[in-house]
Amino acid sequence: MAITDSTTSIDTAWTEQNIVAFAQGTLADSSAMITEVERKLKRGTLDATTSPTLSAVTDWLVRGKEELMQTKSYSFSRRYAYASLDAGSYRVSLPPDYNGGRISVRDQTNDFTLRVLPEHLYDLKYPDPDEESTNEPVYCCVKNMELWLAPPASACTLELEYDRSGDDTTPTDFSFLPEIERWRVCDYAIYEACESLEDWEKAKWYRSKWDAGLASSRKADARRRWKRMGFRAIGIFEESAARNYQS
């Protein structure tokens, strides 16, 4: 999927990396999620004239997804994309759903992972990137919604790994969520719908269901991260040594 819209004056075309496609379950897409909300509300098929309206429920589904992405650091919140750069490029616009979290940048052409610097250190080392000769980029930093490279890149393909915010870069994009999380987003939308209908008891029930599911998934995600780290903390010196060993 192309990620082409930009929030800066630069418009870098990022393309999402291909991932393994798994068979879809019951909630395969946003339409199936709408059907689930309709089934629980028991008010028939939603449209522009019903209460709540179809567009309102769609908005609540999107908000539920964004609440999930903001509340916890999912292992599946990571997104992988790549972009081709012309020689001399050093300013690259970031995808619009980058949320300001962790980021990893690799020069695919030269098989090298760039070191991400804080903005003030980057500016001290490279006060004017235009004065630098074009070469393989070694450092980078995030400035607002732009990625700055140093030195300016020779023609290469840049691979980006980042935390996504859950903002829609395509209409009602729920496809990256595991199905259990789509069920939880439905619970959130039903809670909002019941609140709009002033069915306070049912709204309270679905809110508690949402909160319990969110707490459970946060614990599961923490266990996954701990296992991925080999059940131990990785020190700053180990991380630095690993960077030095790369080719």
C-alpha atoms as a PDB file:
ATOM      1  CA  MET A   1       0.000   0.000   0.000  1.00  0.00           C
ATOM      2  CA  ALA A   2       1.360   3.404  -0.939  1.00  0.00           C
ATOM      3  CA  ILE A   3       1.637   5.982   1.855  1.00  0.00           C
ATOM      4  CA  THR A   4       1.877   9.192  -0.106  1.00  0.00           C
ATOM      5  CA  ASP A   5       0.075  11.973   1.790  1.00  0.00           C
ATOM      6  CA  SER A   6       2.407  14.338   3.615  1.00  0.00           C
ATOM      7  CA  THR A   7       2.103  16.846   6.450  1.00  0.00           C
ATOM      8  CA  THR A   8       5.163  18.874   5.452  1.00  0.00           C
ATOM      9  CA  SER A   9       6.258  20.715   2.312  1.00  0.00           C
ATOM     10  CA  ILE A  10       8.080  17.534   1.242  1.00  0.00           C
ATOM     11  CA  ASP A  11       6.096  14.637  -0.167  1.00  0.00           C
ATOM     12  CA  THR A  12       8.073  11.395   0.029  1.00  0.00           C
ATOM     13  CA  ALA A  13       6.310   8.349  -1.400  1.00  0.00           C
ATOM     14  CA  TRP A  14       6.590   5.499   1.104  1.00  0.00           C
ATOM     15  CA  THR A  15       5.442   1.999   0.182  1.00  0.00           C
ATOM     16  CA  GLU A  16       4.439  -0.430   2.915  1.00  0.00           C
ATOM     17  CA  GLN A  17       6.508  -3.603   3.043  1.00  0.00           C
ATOM     18  CA  ASN A  18       4.693  -6.742   1.955  1.00  0.00           C
ATOM     19  CA  ILE A  19       3.652  -8.913   4.868  1.00  0.00           C
ATOM     20  CA  VAL A  20       2.442 -12.496   5.091  1.00  0.00           C
ATOM     21  CA  ALA A  21      -1.320 -12.634   4.545  1.00  0.00           C
ATOM     22  CA  PHE A  22      -3.257 -14.725   7.056  1.00  0.00           C
ATOM     23  CA  ALA A  23      -6.774 -16.061   6.561  1.00  0.00           C
ATOM     24  CA  GLN A  24      -9.282 -13.528   7.847  1.00  0.00           C
ATOM     25  CA  GLY A  25     -11.542 -14.465  10.729  1.00  0.00           C
ATOM     26  CA  THR A  26     -15.073 -13.363  11.572  1.00  0.00           C
ATOM     27  CA  LEU A  27     -14.291  -9.622  11.612  1.00  0.00           C
ATOM     28  CA  ALA A  28     -12.396  -9.449   8.337  1.00  0.00           C
ATOM     29  CA  ASP A  29     -12.974  -5.735   7.685  1.00  0.00           C
ATOM     30  CA  SER A  30     -14.771  -2.594   8.829  1.00  0.00           C
ATOM     31  CA  SER A  31     -18.060  -3.726   7.262  1.00  0.00           C
ATOM     32  CA  ALA A  32     -18.058  -6.857   9.412  1.00  0.00           C
ATOM     33  CA  MET A  33     -17.327  -4.699  12.464  1.00  0.00           C
ATOM     34  CA  ILE A  34     -20.326  -2.486  11.640  1.00  0.00           C
ATOM     35  CA  THR A  35     -22.470  -5.651  11.419  1.00  0.00           C
ATOM     36  CA  GLU A  36     -21.250  -6.720  14.869  1.00  0.00           C
ATOM     37  CA  VAL A  37     -22.233  -3.342  16.344  1.00  0.00           C
ATOM     38  CA  GLU A  38     -25.668  -3.559  14.674  1.00  0.00           C
ATOM     39  CA  ARG A  39     -26.173  -7.042  16.100  1.00  0.00           C
ATOM     40  CA  LYS A  40     -25.413  -5.915  19.637  1.00  0.00           C
ATOM     41  CA  LEU A  41     -27.481  -2.710  19.417  1.00  0.00           C
ATOM     42  CA  LYS A  42     -30.516  -4.618  18.044  1.00  0.00           C
ATOM     43  CA  ARG A  43     -31.728  -1.545  16.114  1.00  0.00           C
ATOM     44  CA  GLY A  44     -31.607  -2.981  12.600  1.00  0.00           C
ATOM     45  CA  THR A  45     -29.359  -1.851   9.759  1.00  0.00           C
ATOM     46  CA  LEU A  46     -27.705   1.502  10.403  1.00  0.00           C
ATOM     47  CA  ASP A  47     -27.818   4.254   7.802  1.00  0.00           C
ATOM     48  CA  ALA A  48     -27.862   8.055   7.529  1.00  0.00           C
ATOM     49  CA  THR A  49     -31.313   8.322   9.154  1.00  0.00           C
ATOM     50  CA  THR A  50     -31.058   5.850  12.038  1.00  0.00           C
ATOM     51  CA  SER A  51     -30.131   6.671  15.618  1.00  0.00           C
ATOM     52  CA  PRO A  52     -27.213   6.320  15.924  1.00  0.00           C
ATOM     53  CA  THR A  53     -26.229   6.920  12.319  1.00  0.00           C
ATOM     54  CA  LEU A  54     -23.876   4.714  10.339  1.00  0.00           C
ATOM     55  CA  SER A  55     -21.301   7.514  10.053  1.00  0.00           C
ATOM     56  CA  ALA A  56     -21.361   8.072  13.833  1.00  0.00           C
ATOM     57  CA  VAL A  57     -20.681   4.376  14.538  1.00  0.00           C
ATOM     58  CA  THR A  58     -17.907   4.377  11.931  1.00  0.00           C
ATOM     59  CA  ASP A  59     -16.318   7.371  13.698  1.00  0.00           C
ATOM     60  CA  TRP A  60     -16.546   5.578  17.063  1.00  0.00           C
ATOM     61  CA  LEU A  61     -14.843   2.513  15.602  1.00  0.00           C
ATOM     62  CA  VAL A  62     -12.006   4.713  14.358  1.00  0.00           C
ATOM     63  CA  ARG A  63     -11.752   6.416  17.750  1.00  0.00           C
ATOM     64  CA  GLY A  64     -11.629   3.030  19.482  1.00  0.00           C
ATOM     65  CA  LYS A  65      -8.704   2.032  17.249  1.00  0.00           C
ATOM     66  CA  GLU A  66      -6.883   5.294  17.981  1.00  0.00           C
ATOM     67  CA  GLU A  67      -7.520   4.900  21.731  1.00  0.00           C
ATOM     68  CA  LEU A  68      -5.863   1.482  21.539  1.00  0.00           C
ATOM     69  CA  MET A  69      -2.816   2.839  19.732  1.00  0.00           C
ATOM     70  CA  GLN A  70      -2.376   5.713  22.193  1.00  0.00           C
ATOM     71  CA  THR A  71      -2.899   3.719  25.362  1.00  0.00           C
ATOM     72  CA  LYS A  72      -0.320   0.988  24.913  1.00  0.00           C
ATOM     73  CA  SER A  73       2.711   0.066  22.870  1.00  0.00           C
ATOM     74  CA  TYR A  74       1.545  -2.835  20.743  1.00  0.00           C
ATOM     75  CA  SER A  75       3.969  -5.270  19.213  1.00  0.00           C
ATOM     76  CA  PHE A  76       1.818  -4.997  16.075  1.00  0.00           C
ATOM     77  CA  SER A  77       1.852  -1.193  16.036  1.00  0.00           C
ATOM     78  CA  ARG A  78       5.157  -1.311  14.163  1.00  0.00           C
ATOM     79  CA  ARG A  79       4.934  -0.440  10.495  1.00  0.00           C
ATOM     80  CA  TYR A  80       7.548  -1.146   7.830  1.00  0.00           C
ATOM     81  CA  ALA A  81       7.891   0.976   4.710  1.00  0.00           C
ATOM     82  CA  TYR A  82      10.520   1.880   2.145  1.00  0.00           C
ATOM     83  CA  ALA A  83      11.236   4.823  -0.145  1.00  0.00           C
ATOM     84  CA  SER A  84      13.679   5.441  -2.988  1.00  0.00           C
ATOM     85  CA  LEU A  85      15.842   8.563  -2.583  1.00  0.00           C
ATOM     86  CA  ASP A  86      17.639  10.595  -5.208  1.00  0.00           C
ATOM     87  CA  ALA A  87      21.303  11.481  -4.747  1.00  0.00           C
ATOM     88  CA  GLY A  88      21.740  14.509  -2.480  1.00  0.00           C
ATOM     89  CA  SER A  89      18.511  13.984  -0.510  1.00  0.00           C
ATOM     90  CA  TYR A  90      18.719  14.701   3.187  1.00  0.00           C
ATOM     91  CA  ARG A  91      15.156  15.803   4.065  1.00  0.00           C
ATOM     92  CA  VAL A  92      12.464  13.116   3.894  1.00  0.00           C
ATOM     93  CA  SER A  93       8.821  13.513   4.942  1.00  0.00           C
ATOM     94  CA  LEU A  94       7.628  10.883   7.408  1.00  0.00           C
ATOM     95  CA  PRO A  95       4.422   8.870   6.862  1.00  0.00           C
ATOM     96  CA  PRO A  96       1.349  10.698   8.181  1.00  0.00           C
ATOM     97  CA  ASP A  97       0.575   8.005  10.779  1.00  0.00           C
ATOM     98  CA  TYR A  98       4.005   8.243  12.458  1.00  0.00           C
ATOM     99  CA  ASN A  99       3.187   8.979  16.101  1.00  0.00           C
ATOM    100  CA  GLY A 100       6.480  10.358  17.378  1.00  0.00           C
ATOM    101  CA  GLY A 101       7.571   7.083  18.988  1.00  0.00           C
ATOM    102  CA  ARG A 102      10.481   4.757  18.323  1.00  0.00           C
ATOM    103  CA  ILE A 103      11.944   4.778  14.847  1.00  0.00           C
ATOM    104  CA  SER A 104      14.542   2.689  13.021  1.00  0.00           C
ATOM    105  CA  VAL A 105      16.085   3.664   9.681  1.00  0.00           C
ATOM    106  CA  ARG A 106      18.145   1.389   7.441  1.00  0.00           C
ATOM    107  CA  ASP A 107      19.888   2.062   4.169  1.00  0.00           C
ATOM    108  CA  GLN A 108      18.823  -1.037   2.227  1.00  0.00           C
ATOM    109  CA  THR A 109      21.195  -0.319  -0.649  1.00  0.00           C
ATOM    110  CA  ASN A 110      24.297  -0.255   1.555  1.00  0.00           C
ATOM    111  CA  ASP A 111      22.932  -2.612   4.243  1.00  0.00           C
ATOM    112  CA  PHE A 112      23.537  -0.192   7.093  1.00  0.00           C
ATOM    113  CA  THR A 113      21.331   0.909   9.997  1.00  0.00           C
ATOM    114  CA  LEU A 114      21.525   4.645  10.647  1.00  0.00           C
ATOM    115  CA  ARG A 115      22.080   5.992  14.131  1.00  0.00           C
ATOM    116  CA  VAL A 116      19.167   8.161  15.286  1.00  0.00           C
ATOM    117  CA  LEU A 117      20.442  11.352  16.968  1.00  0.00           C
ATOM    118  CA  PRO A 118      18.541  13.871  19.098  1.00  0.00           C
ATOM    119  CA  GLU A 119      17.843  17.005  17.100  1.00  0.00           C
ATOM    120  CA  HIS A 120      20.285  19.222  19.029  1.00  0.00           C
ATOM    121  CA  LEU A 121      23.180  16.776  18.529  1.00  0.00           C
ATOM    122  CA  TYR A 122      22.409  16.459  14.826  1.00  0.00           C
ATOM    123  CA  ASP A 123      22.435  20.264  14.468  1.00  0.00           C
ATOM    124  CA  LEU A 124      25.760  20.523  16.298  1.00  0.00           C
ATOM    125  CA  LYS A 125      27.383  17.941  14.054  1.00  0.00           C
ATOM    126  CA  TYR A 126      25.695  19.028  10.807  1.00  0.00           C
ATOM    127  CA  PRO A 127      24.655  22.693  11.094  1.00  0.00           C
ATOM    128  CA  ASP A 128      24.246  22.934   7.310  1.00  0.00           C
ATOM    129  CA  PRO A 129      23.773  19.580   5.523  1.00  0.00           C
ATOM    130  CA  ASP A 130      23.938  21.387   2.163  1.00  0.00           C
ATOM    131  CA  GLU A 131      27.666  21.862   2.786  1.00  0.00           C
ATOM    132  CA  GLU A 132      28.233  18.110   3.175  1.00  0.00           C
ATOM    133  CA  SER A 133      29.307  15.867   0.298  1.00  0.00           C
ATOM    134  CA  THR A 134      26.863  13.237  -0.901  1.00  0.00           C
ATOM    135  CA  ASN A 135      27.720   9.847   0.578  1.00  0.00           C
ATOM    136  CA  GLU A 136      26.203   6.887   2.366  1.00  0.00           C
ATOM    137  CA  PRO A 137      24.049   8.315   5.230  1.00  0.00           C
ATOM    138  CA  VAL A 138      25.258   7.429   8.728  1.00  0.00           C
ATOM    139  CA  TYR A 139      23.096   9.559  11.044  1.00  0.00           C
ATOM    140  CA  CYS A 140      19.524  10.778  11.059  1.00  0.00           C
ATOM    141  CA  CYS A 141      17.158  12.716  13.285  1.00  0.00           C
ATOM    142  CA  VAL A 142      13.450  13.500  13.435  1.00  0.00           C
ATOM    143  CA  LYS A 143      12.427  17.135  13.040  1.00  0.00           C
ATOM    144  CA  ASN A 144       8.686  17.453  13.434  1.00  0.00           C
ATOM    145  CA  MET A 145       7.307  15.238  10.621  1.00  0.00           C
ATOM    146  CA  GLU A 146      10.560  15.111   8.656  1.00  0.00           C
ATOM    147  CA  LEU A 147      13.529  12.748   8.746  1.00  0.00           C
ATOM    148  CA  TRP A 148      16.898  14.470   8.205  1.00  0.00           C
ATOM    149  CA  LEU A 149      19.873  12.408   7.014  1.00  0.00           C
ATOM    150  CA  ALA A 150      23.594  13.018   7.288  1.00  0.00           C
ATOM    151  CA  PRO A 151      25.522  13.105   5.121  1.00  0.00           C
ATOM    152  CA  PRO A 152      23.102  13.679   2.225  1.00  0.00           C
ATOM    153  CA  ALA A 153      22.297  10.311   0.714  1.00  0.00           C
ATOM    154  CA  SER A 154      23.684   8.868  -2.435  1.00  0.00           C
ATOM    155  CA  ALA A 155      20.883   7.268  -4.472  1.00  0.00           C
ATOM    156  CA  CYS A 156      19.508   4.539  -2.227  1.00  0.00           C
ATOM    157  CA  THR A 157      16.435   2.843  -0.849  1.00  0.00           C
ATOM    158  CA  LEU A 158      15.594   3.747   2.725  1.00  0.00           C
ATOM    159  CA  GLU A 159      13.744   1.309   4.983  1.00  0.00           C
ATOM    160  CA  LEU A 160      11.691   2.771   7.816  1.00  0.00           C
ATOM    161  CA  GLU A 161      10.331   0.981  10.886  1.00  0.00           C
ATOM    162  CA  TYR A 162       8.144   3.099  13.144  1.00  0.00           C
ATOM    163  CA  ASP A 163       5.284   3.190  15.650  1.00  0.00           C
ATOM    164  CA  ARG A 164       2.025   4.079  13.941  1.00  0.00           C
ATOM    165  CA  SER A 165      -0.597   6.290  15.561  1.00  0.00           C
ATOM    166  CA  GLY A 166      -3.658   4.478  14.214  1.00  0.00           C
ATOM    167  CA  ASP A 167      -4.648   7.490  12.092  1.00  0.00           C
ATOM    168  CA  ASP A 168      -6.381   6.475   8.888  1.00  0.00           C
ATOM    169  CA  THR A 169      -4.108   6.690   5.845  1.00  0.00           C
ATOM    170  CA  THR A 170      -6.765   4.766   3.948  1.00  0.00           C
ATOM    171  CA  PRO A 171     -10.494   4.855   4.810  1.00  0.00           C
ATOM    172  CA  THR A 172     -11.278   2.873   7.995  1.00  0.00           C
ATOM    173  CA  ASP A 173      -7.968   0.965   7.987  1.00  0.00           C
ATOM    174  CA  PHE A 174      -8.405  -1.772  10.617  1.00  0.00           C
ATOM    175  CA  SER A 175      -6.557  -4.484   8.691  1.00  0.00           C
ATOM    176  CA  PHE A 176      -3.379  -4.319  10.777  1.00  0.00           C
ATOM    177  CA  LEU A 177      -5.213  -5.020  14.044  1.00  0.00           C
ATOM    178  CA  PRO A 178      -5.333  -8.617  15.301  1.00  0.00           C
ATOM    179  CA  GLU A 179      -8.910  -9.835  15.252  1.00  0.00           C
ATOM    180  CA  ILE A 180      -9.237  -9.893  19.047  1.00  0.00           C
ATOM    181  CA  GLU A 181      -8.496  -6.167  19.028  1.00  0.00           C
ATOM    182  CA  ARG A 182     -11.173  -5.595  16.368  1.00  0.00           C
ATOM    183  CA  TRP A 183     -13.678  -7.214  18.717  1.00  0.00           C
ATOM    184  CA  ARG A 184     -12.558  -4.815  21.439  1.00  0.00           C
ATOM    185  CA  VAL A 185     -12.910  -1.822  19.135  1.00  0.00           C
ATOM    186  CA  CYS A 186     -16.502  -2.963  18.496  1.00  0.00           C
ATOM    187  CA  ASP A 187     -17.096  -2.950  22.266  1.00  0.00           C
ATOM    188  CA  TYR A 188     -15.875   0.629  22.393  1.00  0.00           C
ATOM    189  CA  ALA A 189     -18.170   1.708  19.543  1.00  0.00           C
ATOM    190  CA  ILE A 190     -21.156   0.000  21.209  1.00  0.00           C
ATOM    191  CA  TYR A 191     -20.359   1.832  24.454  1.00  0.00           C
ATOM    192  CA  GLU A 192     -20.368   5.160  22.593  1.00  0.00           C
ATOM    193  CA  ALA A 193     -23.599   4.232  20.789  1.00  0.00           C
ATOM    194  CA  CYS A 194     -25.377   3.291  24.012  1.00  0.00           C
ATOM    195  CA  GLU A 195     -24.226   6.513  25.632  1.00  0.00           C
ATOM    196  CA  SER A 196     -25.629   8.498  22.707  1.00  0.00           C
ATOM    197  CA  LEU A 197     -28.942   6.674  23.164  1.00  0.00           C
ATOM    198  CA  GLU A 198     -28.838   7.468  26.904  1.00  0.00           C
ATOM    199  CA  ASP A 199     -28.897   3.750  27.718  1.00  0.00           C
ATOM    200  CA  TRP A 200     -26.588   4.330  30.664  1.00  0.00           C
ATOM    201  CA  GLU A 201     -26.694   0.807  32.085  1.00  0.00           C
ATOM    202  CA  LYS A 202     -25.703  -0.819  28.804  1.00  0.00           C
ATOM    203  CA  ALA A 203     -23.094   1.885  28.164  1.00  0.00           C
ATOM    204  CA  LYS A 204     -21.554   1.188  31.583  1.00  0.00           C
ATOM    205  CA  TRP A 205     -21.440  -2.543  30.832  1.00  0.00           C
ATOM    206  CA  TYR A 206     -19.652  -2.143  27.499  1.00  0.00           C
ATOM    207  CA  ARG A 207     -17.264   0.425  28.963  1.00  0.00           C
ATOM    208  CA  SER A 208     -16.254  -2.051  31.678  1.00  0.00           C
ATOM    209  CA  LYS A 209     -15.861  -4.754  29.014  1.00  0.00           C
ATOM    210  CA  TRP A 210     -13.609  -2.434  26.997  1.00  0.00           C
ATOM    211  CA  ASP A 211     -11.512  -1.519  30.053  1.00  0.00           C
ATOM    212  CA  ALA A 212     -11.086  -5.171  31.075  1.00  0.00           C
ATOM    213  CA  GLY A 213     -10.066  -6.193  27.551  1.00  0.00           C
ATOM    214  CA  LEU A 214      -7.582  -3.339  27.293  1.00  0.00           C
ATOM    215  CA  ALA A 215      -5.985  -4.247  30.631  1.00  0.00           C
ATOM    216  CA  SER A 216      -5.694  -7.882  29.559  1.00  0.00           C
ATOM    217  CA  SER A 217      -4.084  -7.044  26.231  1.00  0.00           C
ATOM    218  CA  ARG A 218      -1.570  -4.672  27.854  1.00  0.00           C
ATOM    219  CA  LYS A 219      -0.395  -7.468  30.132  1.00  0.00           C
ATOM    220  CA  ALA A 220      -0.115  -9.872  27.193  1.00  0.00           C
ATOM    221  CA  ASP A 221       1.867  -7.334  25.212  1.00  0.00           C
ATOM    222  CA  ALA A 222       4.269  -6.779  28.123  1.00  0.00           C
ATOM    223  CA  ARG A 223       4.878 -10.529  28.339  1.00  0.00           C
ATOM    224  CA  ARG A 224       5.629 -10.670  24.598  1.00  0.00           C
ATOM    225  CA  ARG A 225       8.147  -7.835  24.837  1.00  0.00           C
ATOM    226  CA  TRP A 226       9.845  -9.418  27.856  1.00  0.00           C
ATOM    227  CA  LYS A 227      10.123 -12.752  26.033  1.00  0.00           C
ATOM    228  CA  ARG A 228      11.517 -11.051  22.909  1.00  0.00           C
ATOM    229  CA  MET A 229      14.249  -9.497  25.085  1.00  0.00           C
ATOM    230  CA  GLY A 230      15.253 -12.945  26.339  1.00  0.00           C
ATOM    231  CA  PHE A 231      13.722 -12.226  29.768  1.00  0.00           C
ATOM    232  CA  ARG A 232      16.444  -9.708  30.577  1.00  0.00           C
ATOM    233  CA  ALA A 233      17.195  -6.021  30.135  1.00  0.00           C
ATOM    234  CA  ILE A 234      19.653  -5.051  27.383  1.00  0.00           C
ATOM    235  CA  GLY A 235      22.236  -2.505  28.520  1.00  0.00           C
ATOM    236  CA  ILE A 236      23.323   0.570  26.599  1.00  0.00           C
ATOM    237  CA  PHE A 237      26.822  -0.868  26.084  1.00  0.00           C
ATOM    238  CA  GLU A 238      25.434  -4.060  24.512  1.00  0.00           C
ATOM    239  CA  GLU A 239      23.334  -1.975  22.152  1.00  0.00           C
ATOM    240  CA  SER A 240      26.333   0.179  21.196  1.00  0.00           C
ATOM    241  CA  ALA A 241      28.514  -2.881  20.592  1.00  0.00           C
ATOM    242  CA  ALA A 242      25.852  -4.434  18.362  1.00  0.00           C
ATOM    243  CA  ARG A 243      25.803  -1.281  16.204  1.00  0.00           C
ATOM    244  CA  ASN A 244      29.605  -1.363  15.844  1.00  0.00           C
ATOM    245  CA  TYR A 245      29.550  -4.983  14.667  1.00  0.00           C
ATOM    246  CA  GLN A 246      27.219  -4.355  11.749  1.00  0.00           C
ATOM    247  CA  SER A 247      28.744  -4.202   8.299  1.00  0.00           C
END
